[in-house]
Amino acid sequence: MDEKELVNKISYLISKKNHDQAYAIIREFEKKNNYEMICVSAQGFINAYNYRSALKILESIKKKYSKNAEFCACYAIALFNSEKEDKSLQWFEKAKEKGLEDLSEISNDFFSKSIDDWIKKAKFWGPLRVEENNYKEEL
């Protein structure tokens, strides 16, 4: 199964509420320390709009795989869509520093394909999220 098929399969399983089957696939990759395919699997969760689960998956490999540009972008997208826009900016910038410009392989059809677009969004929404969180803490 190639990467695109894997992402589609995970997305399909999540959309049908078959989370256990999706996690079983990921556990197989974990047994083999296949960080690339774990990251690809997380994209399936992102494409199914299950950002917090994608974030948990990506955080489990962050120490071992964070030097990978695709990981940085995938992690940033999951952060951004989990209402952590302020934290996503540094990860989008890391992905760009590592040479990633086009997110066609990572981002689904409804998301921007340009890393620069994501950086602009994170720069705009990040400070607003920080301000909102500070306001909530004051209440």
Protein backbone atom coordinates (compact mmCIF):
# COMPACT_ATOMS: atom_id res chain seq x y z
CA MET A 1 0.00 0.00 0.00
CA ASP A 2 1.47 3.36 -0.99
CA GLU A 3 1.25 6.50 1.14
CA LYS A 4 -1.78 7.98 -0.62
CA GLU A 5 -3.70 4.72 -0.25
CA LEU A 6 -2.79 4.60 3.44
CA VAL A 7 -3.98 8.16 4.05
CA ASN A 8 -7.24 7.41 2.24
CA LYS A 9 -7.73 4.17 4.17
CA ILE A 10 -7.13 5.85 7.55
CA SER A 11 -9.42 8.76 6.59
CA TYR A 12 -12.12 6.31 5.55
CA LEU A 13 -11.82 4.30 8.78
CA ILE A 14 -12.04 7.46 10.89
CA SER A 15 -15.03 8.76 8.94
CA LYS A 16 -16.80 5.44 9.58
CA LYS A 17 -15.93 5.61 13.31
CA ASN A 18 -13.56 2.62 13.03
CA HIS A 19 -10.89 4.22 15.19
CA ASP A 20 -9.69 0.88 16.57
CA GLN A 21 -8.83 -0.37 13.09
CA ALA A 22 -7.00 2.87 12.28
CA TYR A 23 -4.99 2.67 15.50
CA ALA A 24 -4.21 -1.00 14.82
CA ILE A 25 -2.53 0.03 11.56
CA ILE A 26 -0.50 2.66 13.40
CA ARG A 27 0.54 0.17 16.11
CA GLU A 28 2.01 -2.06 13.40
CA PHE A 29 4.17 0.85 12.23
CA GLU A 30 5.12 1.62 15.85
CA LYS A 31 6.37 -1.96 16.32
CA LYS A 32 8.69 -1.44 13.35
CA ASN A 33 9.71 2.11 14.40
CA ASN A 34 8.47 3.26 10.99
CA TYR A 35 8.12 6.95 11.85
CA GLU A 36 7.50 7.97 8.26
CA MET A 37 4.40 5.80 7.97
CA ILE A 38 3.18 6.86 11.42
CA CYS A 39 3.39 10.46 10.21
CA VAL A 40 1.58 9.52 7.00
CA SER A 41 -1.10 7.79 9.08
CA ALA A 42 -1.60 10.99 11.07
CA GLN A 43 -2.39 12.73 7.78
CA GLY A 44 -5.38 10.40 7.48
CA PHE A 45 -6.67 11.72 10.79
CA ILE A 46 -6.10 15.30 9.62
CA ASN A 47 -7.96 14.65 6.37
CA ALA A 48 -10.86 13.29 8.45
CA TYR A 49 -10.79 16.50 10.54
CA ASN A 50 -9.74 14.57 13.64
CA TYR A 51 -6.95 16.99 14.56
CA ARG A 52 -6.54 16.23 18.25
CA SER A 53 -6.02 12.53 17.54
CA ALA A 54 -3.53 13.41 14.81
CA LEU A 55 -1.74 15.63 17.31
CA LYS A 56 -1.45 12.77 19.83
CA ILE A 57 -0.05 10.47 17.16
CA LEU A 58 2.48 13.06 16.01
CA GLU A 59 3.50 13.95 19.56
CA SER A 60 4.34 10.28 20.12
CA ILE A 61 7.08 10.49 17.44
CA LYS A 62 8.07 14.14 17.82
CA LYS A 63 11.41 13.48 19.54
CA LYS A 64 12.51 10.92 16.97
CA TYR A 65 11.14 12.42 13.75
CA SER A 66 10.93 16.20 14.18
CA LYS A 67 13.83 16.83 11.80
CA ASN A 68 11.64 15.70 8.90
CA ALA A 69 10.02 18.55 6.93
CA GLU A 70 6.79 16.64 6.27
CA PHE A 71 6.48 15.87 9.98
CA CYS A 72 6.93 19.56 10.82
CA ALA A 73 4.20 20.59 8.38
CA CYS A 74 1.81 17.84 9.44
CA TYR A 75 2.36 18.68 13.12
CA ALA A 76 1.85 22.38 12.40
CA ILE A 77 -1.44 21.71 10.58
CA ALA A 78 -2.67 19.57 13.47
CA LEU A 79 -1.68 22.27 15.97
CA PHE A 80 -3.28 25.03 13.92
CA ASN A 81 -6.57 23.18 13.61
CA SER A 82 -6.54 22.22 17.31
CA GLU A 83 -6.78 25.89 18.30
CA LYS A 84 -3.03 26.14 18.92
CA GLU A 85 -2.31 28.54 16.09
CA ASP A 86 0.34 30.34 18.15
CA LYS A 87 2.36 27.14 18.54
CA SER A 88 1.90 26.12 14.91
CA LEU A 89 3.92 29.03 13.51
CA GLN A 90 7.31 27.71 14.61
CA TRP A 91 6.56 24.32 13.05
CA PHE A 92 5.46 25.82 9.73
CA GLU A 93 8.67 27.87 9.74
CA LYS A 94 10.75 24.75 10.50
CA ALA A 95 9.11 22.94 7.58
CA LYS A 96 9.94 25.86 5.30
CA GLU A 97 13.55 26.01 6.58
CA LYS A 98 13.89 22.34 5.67
CA GLY A 99 12.87 23.18 2.10
CA LEU A 100 9.18 22.31 2.09
CA GLU A 101 7.17 24.78 0.01
CA ASP A 102 4.35 22.72 -1.49
CA LEU A 103 2.00 20.81 0.79
CA SER A 104 0.12 18.95 -1.94
CA GLU A 105 1.18 15.58 -0.54
CA ILE A 106 0.26 16.52 3.04
CA SER A 107 -2.70 18.85 2.88
CA ASN A 108 -6.13 17.67 1.79
CA ASP A 109 -8.11 19.32 -1.00
CA PHE A 110 -9.72 21.88 1.28
CA PHE A 111 -6.50 23.25 2.78
CA SER A 112 -3.97 25.60 1.26
CA LYS A 113 -1.08 23.92 -0.53
CA SER A 114 1.42 26.71 0.14
CA ILE A 115 3.57 26.78 3.27
CA ASP A 116 3.69 30.58 2.97
CA ASP A 117 -0.12 30.75 3.17
CA TRP A 118 -0.07 28.68 6.35
CA ILE A 119 2.64 30.90 7.85
CA LYS A 120 0.53 33.99 7.11
CA LYS A 121 -2.50 32.38 8.75
CA ALA A 122 -0.51 31.36 11.82
CA LYS A 123 0.98 34.85 12.15
CA PHE A 124 -2.50 36.35 11.98
CA TRP A 125 -4.41 33.88 14.17
CA GLY A 126 -1.65 33.02 16.67
CA PRO A 127 -1.68 36.34 18.55
CA LEU A 128 -5.48 36.33 18.57
CA ARG A 129 -5.48 32.86 20.14
CA VAL A 130 -2.99 33.98 22.80
CA GLU A 131 -5.16 37.00 23.56
CA GLU A 132 -8.28 34.83 23.75
CA ASN A 133 -6.59 32.35 26.09
CA ASN A 134 -5.37 35.17 28.34
CA TYR A 135 -8.88 36.61 28.45
CA LYS A 136 -10.33 33.21 29.41
CA GLU A 137 -7.77 32.87 32.21
CA GLU A 138 -8.80 36.26 33.61
CA LEU A 139 -12.44 35.19 33.87
